[in-house]
Amino acid sequence: MDIRLSELIKQATQCLVDLGLSPGTIKDYQCSAFGPLERRLKNQEKINSAILLAQEEFFLGQYQAGEISRHTYNWRIRGIRMLSEVYDTGSFAWKVYSRKEKSSLPELFDSVLGGFIRTQNCGQRQKTCKESICRRFLQSLVDSGITSFEDIQPEHVNSFIINISATRPKSMDDVIYALRGFFGYLCCNGLYHDNFWMLLAAPHCRDHHVRNCLSSEEASLLLGSCQRAACR
């Protein structure tokens, strides 16, 4: 049965109190674990466990895009899973939450992905971002029954880009850049025949702020100044 998020948070907070946590620690949970979910689901009158767990993908996208830190991401996941457990069971058993891959790749895919990441001359955060994107792409291939690089078709790449854009709308540059590098690596090592340069070359327009224009009065003063200067 669906429940209001505020009521569920109240139940989870009581569980933390029953565990003997200090008021300061409980406040940390309220601000860092539960608060972001309240803001995220502010328009959702009633929630359930499925709605809560679906938010993990959104926060994962934020983490992979560098919008939140690993520490912040862990707080988000902790809040989601704690509330989900309280919803399902009415109580909470203390445990450590960690970010793990939901599924493993075939040995070939995993080995080649590792080789690609080792060739990347960039910082650890960028390597982590590239690996996560490429791993999700390879997993999408496995989910489609593809376990060999030679069986990849343009529609597989296009479909992945469309699907991942739903969770990473502001970081598609990273997705395109990672896939372009990965297919370049496959081609250089004779593992594939096409780098999909046309499909992965679409430019992404970044957001820009429009500067305020001159008012009509300011424009008149400016034009009048130019005319007076020309008559001298």
C-alpha atoms as a PDB file:
ATOM      1  CA  MET A   1       0.000   0.000   0.000  1.00  0.00           C
ATOM      2  CA  ASP A   2       1.322   3.443  -0.924  1.00  0.00           C
ATOM      3  CA  ILE A   3       2.282   5.866   1.848  1.00  0.00           C
ATOM      4  CA  ARG A   4       3.258   9.502   2.161  1.00  0.00           C
ATOM      5  CA  LEU A   5       7.013  10.000   2.022  1.00  0.00           C
ATOM      6  CA  SER A   6       6.941  12.245   5.101  1.00  0.00           C
ATOM      7  CA  GLU A   7       5.312   9.456   7.116  1.00  0.00           C
ATOM      8  CA  LEU A   8       7.837   6.906   5.875  1.00  0.00           C
ATOM      9  CA  ILE A   9      10.725   9.208   6.815  1.00  0.00           C
ATOM     10  CA  LYS A  10       9.187   9.615  10.257  1.00  0.00           C
ATOM     11  CA  GLN A  11       9.147   5.811  10.683  1.00  0.00           C
ATOM     12  CA  ALA A  12      12.752   5.495   9.443  1.00  0.00           C
ATOM     13  CA  THR A  13      13.902   8.251  11.811  1.00  0.00           C
ATOM     14  CA  GLN A  14      12.327   6.399  14.728  1.00  0.00           C
ATOM     15  CA  CYS A  15      14.250   3.281  13.676  1.00  0.00           C
ATOM     16  CA  LEU A  16      17.478   5.306  13.871  1.00  0.00           C
ATOM     17  CA  VAL A  17      16.507   6.532  17.328  1.00  0.00           C
ATOM     18  CA  ASP A  18      15.819   2.932  18.419  1.00  0.00           C
ATOM     19  CA  LEU A  19      19.305   1.969  17.179  1.00  0.00           C
ATOM     20  CA  GLY A  20      20.768   4.444  19.664  1.00  0.00           C
ATOM     21  CA  LEU A  21      22.275   6.887  17.162  1.00  0.00           C
ATOM     22  CA  SER A  22      23.179  10.361  18.392  1.00  0.00           C
ATOM     23  CA  PRO A  23      20.942  13.347  17.546  1.00  0.00           C
ATOM     24  CA  GLY A  24      23.738  14.735  15.338  1.00  0.00           C
ATOM     25  CA  THR A  25      23.952  11.526  13.297  1.00  0.00           C
ATOM     26  CA  ILE A  26      20.182  11.370  12.944  1.00  0.00           C
ATOM     27  CA  LYS A  27      20.193  14.971  11.704  1.00  0.00           C
ATOM     28  CA  ASP A  28      22.826  13.977   9.110  1.00  0.00           C
ATOM     29  CA  TYR A  29      20.482  11.264   7.843  1.00  0.00           C
ATOM     30  CA  GLN A  30      17.590  13.687   7.671  1.00  0.00           C
ATOM     31  CA  CYS A  31      19.602  16.303   5.747  1.00  0.00           C
ATOM     32  CA  SER A  32      21.839  14.147   3.539  1.00  0.00           C
ATOM     33  CA  ALA A  33      19.860  10.935   2.995  1.00  0.00           C
ATOM     34  CA  PHE A  34      16.157  11.769   3.347  1.00  0.00           C
ATOM     35  CA  GLY A  35      16.085  15.459   2.418  1.00  0.00           C
ATOM     36  CA  PRO A  36      17.242  15.014  -1.217  1.00  0.00           C
ATOM     37  CA  LEU A  37      14.523  12.398  -1.745  1.00  0.00           C
ATOM     38  CA  GLU A  38      11.881  14.732  -0.336  1.00  0.00           C
ATOM     39  CA  ARG A  39      12.961  17.413  -2.804  1.00  0.00           C
ATOM     40  CA  ARG A  40      13.155  14.907  -5.650  1.00  0.00           C
ATOM     41  CA  LEU A  41       9.674  13.484  -4.953  1.00  0.00           C
ATOM     42  CA  LYS A  42       7.982  16.647  -3.719  1.00  0.00           C
ATOM     43  CA  ASN A  43       5.188  16.306  -6.305  1.00  0.00           C
ATOM     44  CA  GLN A  44       4.592  12.617  -5.522  1.00  0.00           C
ATOM     45  CA  GLU A  45       1.679  12.383  -3.079  1.00  0.00           C
ATOM     46  CA  LYS A  46       2.151   8.699  -2.262  1.00  0.00           C
ATOM     47  CA  ILE A  47       5.192   6.488  -2.763  1.00  0.00           C
ATOM     48  CA  ASN A  48       6.106   2.818  -2.569  1.00  0.00           C
ATOM     49  CA  SER A  49       9.288   0.757  -2.609  1.00  0.00           C
ATOM     50  CA  ALA A  50       9.443   0.596  -6.416  1.00  0.00           C
ATOM     51  CA  ILE A  51       9.229   4.397  -6.729  1.00  0.00           C
ATOM     52  CA  LEU A  52      12.012   4.791  -4.172  1.00  0.00           C
ATOM     53  CA  LEU A  53      14.377   2.299  -5.799  1.00  0.00           C
ATOM     54  CA  ALA A  54      13.787   3.879  -9.219  1.00  0.00           C
ATOM     55  CA  GLN A  55      15.517   7.026  -7.917  1.00  0.00           C
ATOM     56  CA  GLU A  56      18.859   5.214  -7.692  1.00  0.00           C
ATOM     57  CA  GLU A  57      19.336   5.538 -11.458  1.00  0.00           C
ATOM     58  CA  PHE A  58      18.818   9.305 -11.282  1.00  0.00           C
ATOM     59  CA  PHE A  59      21.407   9.807  -8.533  1.00  0.00           C
ATOM     60  CA  LEU A  60      23.796   7.418 -10.281  1.00  0.00           C
ATOM     61  CA  GLY A  61      23.558   9.621 -13.357  1.00  0.00           C
ATOM     62  CA  GLN A  62      24.388  12.679 -11.232  1.00  0.00           C
ATOM     63  CA  TYR A  63      27.417  10.916  -9.750  1.00  0.00           C
ATOM     64  CA  GLN A  64      28.704   9.724 -13.115  1.00  0.00           C
ATOM     65  CA  ALA A  65      28.294  13.228 -14.513  1.00  0.00           C
ATOM     66  CA  GLY A  66      30.384  14.658 -11.677  1.00  0.00           C
ATOM     67  CA  GLU A  67      27.434  16.682 -10.347  1.00  0.00           C
ATOM     68  CA  ILE A  68      27.669  15.053  -6.903  1.00  0.00           C
ATOM     69  CA  SER A  69      30.572  13.420  -5.077  1.00  0.00           C
ATOM     70  CA  ARG A  70      30.915   9.741  -4.220  1.00  0.00           C
ATOM     71  CA  HIS A  71      30.254  10.627  -0.570  1.00  0.00           C
ATOM     72  CA  THR A  72      27.039  12.458  -1.457  1.00  0.00           C
ATOM     73  CA  TYR A  73      25.966   9.645  -3.789  1.00  0.00           C
ATOM     74  CA  ASN A  74      26.429   7.101  -0.977  1.00  0.00           C
ATOM     75  CA  TRP A  75      24.169   9.170   1.299  1.00  0.00           C
ATOM     76  CA  ARG A  76      21.479   9.231  -1.395  1.00  0.00           C
ATOM     77  CA  ILE A  77      21.611   5.445  -1.853  1.00  0.00           C
ATOM     78  CA  ARG A  78      21.637   4.883   1.896  1.00  0.00           C
ATOM     79  CA  GLY A  79      18.459   6.925   2.255  1.00  0.00           C
ATOM     80  CA  ILE A  80      16.693   5.172  -0.620  1.00  0.00           C
ATOM     81  CA  ARG A  81      17.442   1.666   0.619  1.00  0.00           C
ATOM     82  CA  MET A  82      16.717   2.438   4.238  1.00  0.00           C
ATOM     83  CA  LEU A  83      13.305   3.898   3.391  1.00  0.00           C
ATOM     84  CA  SER A  84      12.600   1.025   1.010  1.00  0.00           C
ATOM     85  CA  GLU A  85      13.372  -1.507   3.746  1.00  0.00           C
ATOM     86  CA  VAL A  86      11.192   0.307   6.261  1.00  0.00           C
ATOM     87  CA  TYR A  87       8.383   0.389   3.686  1.00  0.00           C
ATOM     88  CA  ASP A  88       8.705  -3.352   2.961  1.00  0.00           C
ATOM     89  CA  THR A  89       9.274  -4.648   6.512  1.00  0.00           C
ATOM     90  CA  GLY A  90       8.305  -1.874   8.899  1.00  0.00           C
ATOM     91  CA  SER A  91      11.787  -1.892  10.444  1.00  0.00           C
ATOM     92  CA  PHE A  92      15.457  -1.431   9.587  1.00  0.00           C
ATOM     93  CA  ALA A  93      18.453  -3.736  10.162  1.00  0.00           C
ATOM     94  CA  TRP A  94      21.822  -1.977  10.233  1.00  0.00           C
ATOM     95  CA  LYS A  95      24.005  -2.730   7.219  1.00  0.00           C
ATOM     96  CA  VAL A  96      26.676  -1.112   5.071  1.00  0.00           C
ATOM     97  CA  TYR A  97      25.567  -0.001   1.616  1.00  0.00           C
ATOM     98  CA  SER A  98      28.053   0.099  -1.216  1.00  0.00           C
ATOM     99  CA  ARG A  99      27.860   0.772  -4.915  1.00  0.00           C
ATOM    100  CA  LYS A 100      28.296  -2.479  -6.865  1.00  0.00           C
ATOM    101  CA  GLU A 101      27.733  -3.394 -10.467  1.00  0.00           C
ATOM    102  CA  LYS A 102      24.331  -5.012 -10.840  1.00  0.00           C
ATOM    103  CA  SER A 103      25.604  -7.594 -13.299  1.00  0.00           C
ATOM    104  CA  SER A 104      28.849  -8.912 -14.721  1.00  0.00           C
ATOM    105  CA  LEU A 105      29.963  -8.779 -18.332  1.00  0.00           C
ATOM    106  CA  PRO A 106      31.208 -11.688 -20.452  1.00  0.00           C
ATOM    107  CA  GLU A 107      34.947 -12.237 -20.014  1.00  0.00           C
ATOM    108  CA  LEU A 108      35.699 -10.878 -23.512  1.00  0.00           C
ATOM    109  CA  PHE A 109      33.836  -7.616 -22.949  1.00  0.00           C
ATOM    110  CA  ASP A 110      35.249  -7.153 -19.458  1.00  0.00           C
ATOM    111  CA  SER A 111      38.832  -7.810 -20.596  1.00  0.00           C
ATOM    112  CA  VAL A 112      38.638  -5.434 -23.555  1.00  0.00           C
ATOM    113  CA  LEU A 113      37.023  -2.731 -21.429  1.00  0.00           C
ATOM    114  CA  GLY A 114      39.848  -3.040 -18.909  1.00  0.00           C
ATOM    115  CA  GLY A 115      42.414  -2.712 -21.710  1.00  0.00           C
ATOM    116  CA  PHE A 116      40.691   0.395 -23.050  1.00  0.00           C
ATOM    117  CA  ILE A 117      40.626   2.109 -19.652  1.00  0.00           C
ATOM    118  CA  ARG A 118      44.326   1.388 -19.102  1.00  0.00           C
ATOM    119  CA  THR A 119      45.160   3.294 -22.288  1.00  0.00           C
ATOM    120  CA  GLN A 120      43.338   6.442 -21.172  1.00  0.00           C
ATOM    121  CA  ASN A 121      45.656   9.292 -20.285  1.00  0.00           C
ATOM    122  CA  CYS A 122      43.368  11.212 -17.935  1.00  0.00           C
ATOM    123  CA  GLY A 123      42.474  11.619 -14.277  1.00  0.00           C
ATOM    124  CA  GLN A 124      40.882   8.897 -12.195  1.00  0.00           C
ATOM    125  CA  ARG A 125      37.478  10.600 -12.164  1.00  0.00           C
ATOM    126  CA  GLN A 126      37.407  10.723 -15.968  1.00  0.00           C
ATOM    127  CA  LYS A 127      38.532   7.092 -16.161  1.00  0.00           C
ATOM    128  CA  THR A 128      35.756   6.096 -13.779  1.00  0.00           C
ATOM    129  CA  CYS A 129      33.201   8.027 -15.839  1.00  0.00           C
ATOM    130  CA  LYS A 130      34.367   6.443 -19.123  1.00  0.00           C
ATOM    131  CA  GLU A 131      34.395   2.960 -17.638  1.00  0.00           C
ATOM    132  CA  SER A 132      30.889   3.356 -16.231  1.00  0.00           C
ATOM    133  CA  ILE A 133      29.486   4.588 -19.558  1.00  0.00           C
ATOM    134  CA  CYS A 134      31.168   1.875 -21.621  1.00  0.00           C
ATOM    135  CA  ARG A 135      30.191  -0.796 -19.126  1.00  0.00           C
ATOM    136  CA  ARG A 136      26.566   0.282 -19.358  1.00  0.00           C
ATOM    137  CA  PHE A 137      26.818   0.175 -23.143  1.00  0.00           C
ATOM    138  CA  LEU A 138      28.308  -3.325 -23.109  1.00  0.00           C
ATOM    139  CA  GLN A 139      25.655  -4.468 -20.655  1.00  0.00           C
ATOM    140  CA  SER A 140      22.987  -3.130 -23.006  1.00  0.00           C
ATOM    141  CA  LEU A 141      24.507  -5.300 -25.735  1.00  0.00           C
ATOM    142  CA  VAL A 142      24.389  -8.360 -23.493  1.00  0.00           C
ATOM    143  CA  ASP A 143      20.760  -7.583 -22.651  1.00  0.00           C
ATOM    144  CA  SER A 144      20.084  -7.588 -26.418  1.00  0.00           C
ATOM    145  CA  GLY A 145      21.777 -10.972 -26.842  1.00  0.00           C
ATOM    146  CA  ILE A 146      25.038  -9.552 -28.265  1.00  0.00           C
ATOM    147  CA  THR A 147      28.184 -11.179 -26.866  1.00  0.00           C
ATOM    148  CA  SER A 148      30.604 -10.537 -29.746  1.00  0.00           C
ATOM    149  CA  PHE A 149      31.908  -7.176 -30.963  1.00  0.00           C
ATOM    150  CA  GLU A 150      31.432  -8.129 -34.615  1.00  0.00           C
ATOM    151  CA  ASP A 151      27.676  -8.402 -34.061  1.00  0.00           C
ATOM    152  CA  ILE A 152      27.275  -4.756 -32.997  1.00  0.00           C
ATOM    153  CA  GLN A 153      24.979  -2.784 -35.305  1.00  0.00           C
ATOM    154  CA  PRO A 154      24.400   0.996 -35.569  1.00  0.00           C
ATOM    155  CA  GLU A 155      20.940   0.589 -34.056  1.00  0.00           C
ATOM    156  CA  HIS A 156      22.506  -0.831 -30.878  1.00  0.00           C
ATOM    157  CA  VAL A 157      24.599   2.322 -30.449  1.00  0.00           C
ATOM    158  CA  ASN A 158      21.723   4.632 -31.337  1.00  0.00           C
ATOM    159  CA  SER A 159      19.331   2.893 -28.957  1.00  0.00           C
ATOM    160  CA  PHE A 160      21.830   3.104 -26.102  1.00  0.00           C
ATOM    161  CA  ILE A 161      22.370   6.833 -26.659  1.00  0.00           C
ATOM    162  CA  ILE A 162      18.625   7.463 -26.598  1.00  0.00           C
ATOM    163  CA  ASN A 163      18.114   5.412 -23.437  1.00  0.00           C
ATOM    164  CA  ILE A 164      21.032   6.857 -21.474  1.00  0.00           C
ATOM    165  CA  SER A 165      20.054  10.413 -22.375  1.00  0.00           C
ATOM    166  CA  ALA A 166      17.033  10.009 -20.110  1.00  0.00           C
ATOM    167  CA  THR A 167      19.287   9.867 -17.028  1.00  0.00           C
ATOM    168  CA  ARG A 168      22.197  12.019 -18.270  1.00  0.00           C
ATOM    169  CA  PRO A 169      20.586  14.888 -20.223  1.00  0.00           C
ATOM    170  CA  LYS A 170      23.300  17.378 -19.222  1.00  0.00           C
ATOM    171  CA  SER A 171      26.310  15.127 -19.712  1.00  0.00           C
ATOM    172  CA  MET A 172      25.818  13.563 -23.126  1.00  0.00           C
ATOM    173  CA  ASP A 173      29.160  15.004 -24.205  1.00  0.00           C
ATOM    174  CA  ASP A 174      30.779  12.518 -21.812  1.00  0.00           C
ATOM    175  CA  VAL A 175      28.756   9.653 -23.276  1.00  0.00           C
ATOM    176  CA  ILE A 176      29.652  10.494 -26.870  1.00  0.00           C
ATOM    177  CA  TYR A 177      33.317  11.080 -26.012  1.00  0.00           C
ATOM    178  CA  ALA A 178      33.596   7.767 -24.113  1.00  0.00           C
ATOM    179  CA  LEU A 179      31.921   5.716 -26.866  1.00  0.00           C
ATOM    180  CA  ARG A 180      33.970   7.406 -29.589  1.00  0.00           C
ATOM    181  CA  GLY A 181      37.180   6.547 -27.750  1.00  0.00           C
ATOM    182  CA  PHE A 182      36.029   2.990 -27.087  1.00  0.00           C
ATOM    183  CA  PHE A 183      35.157   2.262 -30.715  1.00  0.00           C
ATOM    184  CA  GLY A 184      38.425   3.865 -31.779  1.00  0.00           C
ATOM    185  CA  TYR A 185      40.205   1.441 -29.461  1.00  0.00           C
ATOM    186  CA  LEU A 186      38.285  -1.521 -30.902  1.00  0.00           C
ATOM    187  CA  CYS A 187      39.189  -0.514 -34.461  1.00  0.00           C
ATOM    188  CA  CYS A 188      42.865   0.053 -33.657  1.00  0.00           C
ATOM    189  CA  ASN A 189      43.068  -3.427 -32.150  1.00  0.00           C
ATOM    190  CA  GLY A 190      41.219  -5.171 -34.996  1.00  0.00           C
ATOM    191  CA  LEU A 191      38.202  -5.995 -32.837  1.00  0.00           C
ATOM    192  CA  TYR A 192      35.695  -4.031 -34.905  1.00  0.00           C
ATOM    193  CA  HIS A 193      35.484  -2.443 -38.339  1.00  0.00           C
ATOM    194  CA  ASP A 194      33.593   0.823 -37.754  1.00  0.00           C
ATOM    195  CA  ASN A 195      34.261   3.682 -35.329  1.00  0.00           C
ATOM    196  CA  PHE A 196      30.779   5.153 -35.926  1.00  0.00           C
ATOM    197  CA  TRP A 197      32.355   8.569 -36.370  1.00  0.00           C
ATOM    198  CA  MET A 198      29.227  10.019 -37.999  1.00  0.00           C
ATOM    199  CA  LEU A 199      26.872   8.685 -35.320  1.00  0.00           C
ATOM    200  CA  LEU A 200      29.188   9.796 -32.510  1.00  0.00           C
ATOM    201  CA  ALA A 201      30.162  13.163 -33.961  1.00  0.00           C
ATOM    202  CA  ALA A 202      26.894  14.979 -33.319  1.00  0.00           C
ATOM    203  CA  PRO A 203      27.737  18.203 -31.488  1.00  0.00           C
ATOM    204  CA  HIS A 204      26.017  18.921 -28.221  1.00  0.00           C
ATOM    205  CA  CYS A 205      24.958  22.506 -27.610  1.00  0.00           C
ATOM    206  CA  ARG A 206      25.831  23.595 -24.112  1.00  0.00           C
ATOM    207  CA  ASP A 207      23.551  25.862 -22.143  1.00  0.00           C
ATOM    208  CA  HIS A 208      24.306  29.560 -22.458  1.00  0.00           C
ATOM    209  CA  HIS A 209      22.901  32.518 -20.593  1.00  0.00           C
ATOM    210  CA  VAL A 210      21.435  35.288 -22.738  1.00  0.00           C
ATOM    211  CA  ARG A 211      22.839  38.629 -21.687  1.00  0.00           C
ATOM    212  CA  ASN A 212      20.428  41.465 -20.958  1.00  0.00           C
ATOM    213  CA  CYS A 213      19.872  43.864 -23.852  1.00  0.00           C
ATOM    214  CA  LEU A 214      20.056  47.638 -23.657  1.00  0.00           C
ATOM    215  CA  SER A 215      16.798  49.357 -22.784  1.00  0.00           C
ATOM    216  CA  SER A 216      15.261  51.662 -25.388  1.00  0.00           C
ATOM    217  CA  GLU A 217      16.363  54.680 -23.328  1.00  0.00           C
ATOM    218  CA  GLU A 218      19.951  53.422 -23.128  1.00  0.00           C
ATOM    219  CA  ALA A 219      19.988  52.709 -26.870  1.00  0.00           C
ATOM    220  CA  SER A 220      18.773  56.255 -27.613  1.00  0.00           C
ATOM    221  CA  LEU A 221      21.444  57.778 -25.381  1.00  0.00           C
ATOM    222  CA  LEU A 222      24.121  55.642 -27.040  1.00  0.00           C
ATOM    223  CA  LEU A 223      23.017  56.601 -30.560  1.00  0.00           C
ATOM    224  CA  GLY A 224      22.750  60.263 -29.574  1.00  0.00           C
ATOM    225  CA  SER A 225      26.272  60.197 -28.241  1.00  0.00           C
ATOM    226  CA  CYS A 226      27.585  58.816 -31.536  1.00  0.00           C
ATOM    227  CA  GLN A 227      25.787  61.522 -33.543  1.00  0.00           C
ATOM    228  CA  ARG A 228      27.167  64.334 -31.400  1.00  0.00           C
ATOM    229  CA  ALA A 229      30.677  62.962 -31.701  1.00  0.00           C
ATOM    230  CA  ALA A 230      30.357  62.846 -35.517  1.00  0.00           C
ATOM    231  CA  CYS A 231      29.363  66.544 -35.703  1.00  0.00           C
ATOM    232  CA  ARG A 232      32.438  67.764 -33.852  1.00  0.00           C
END
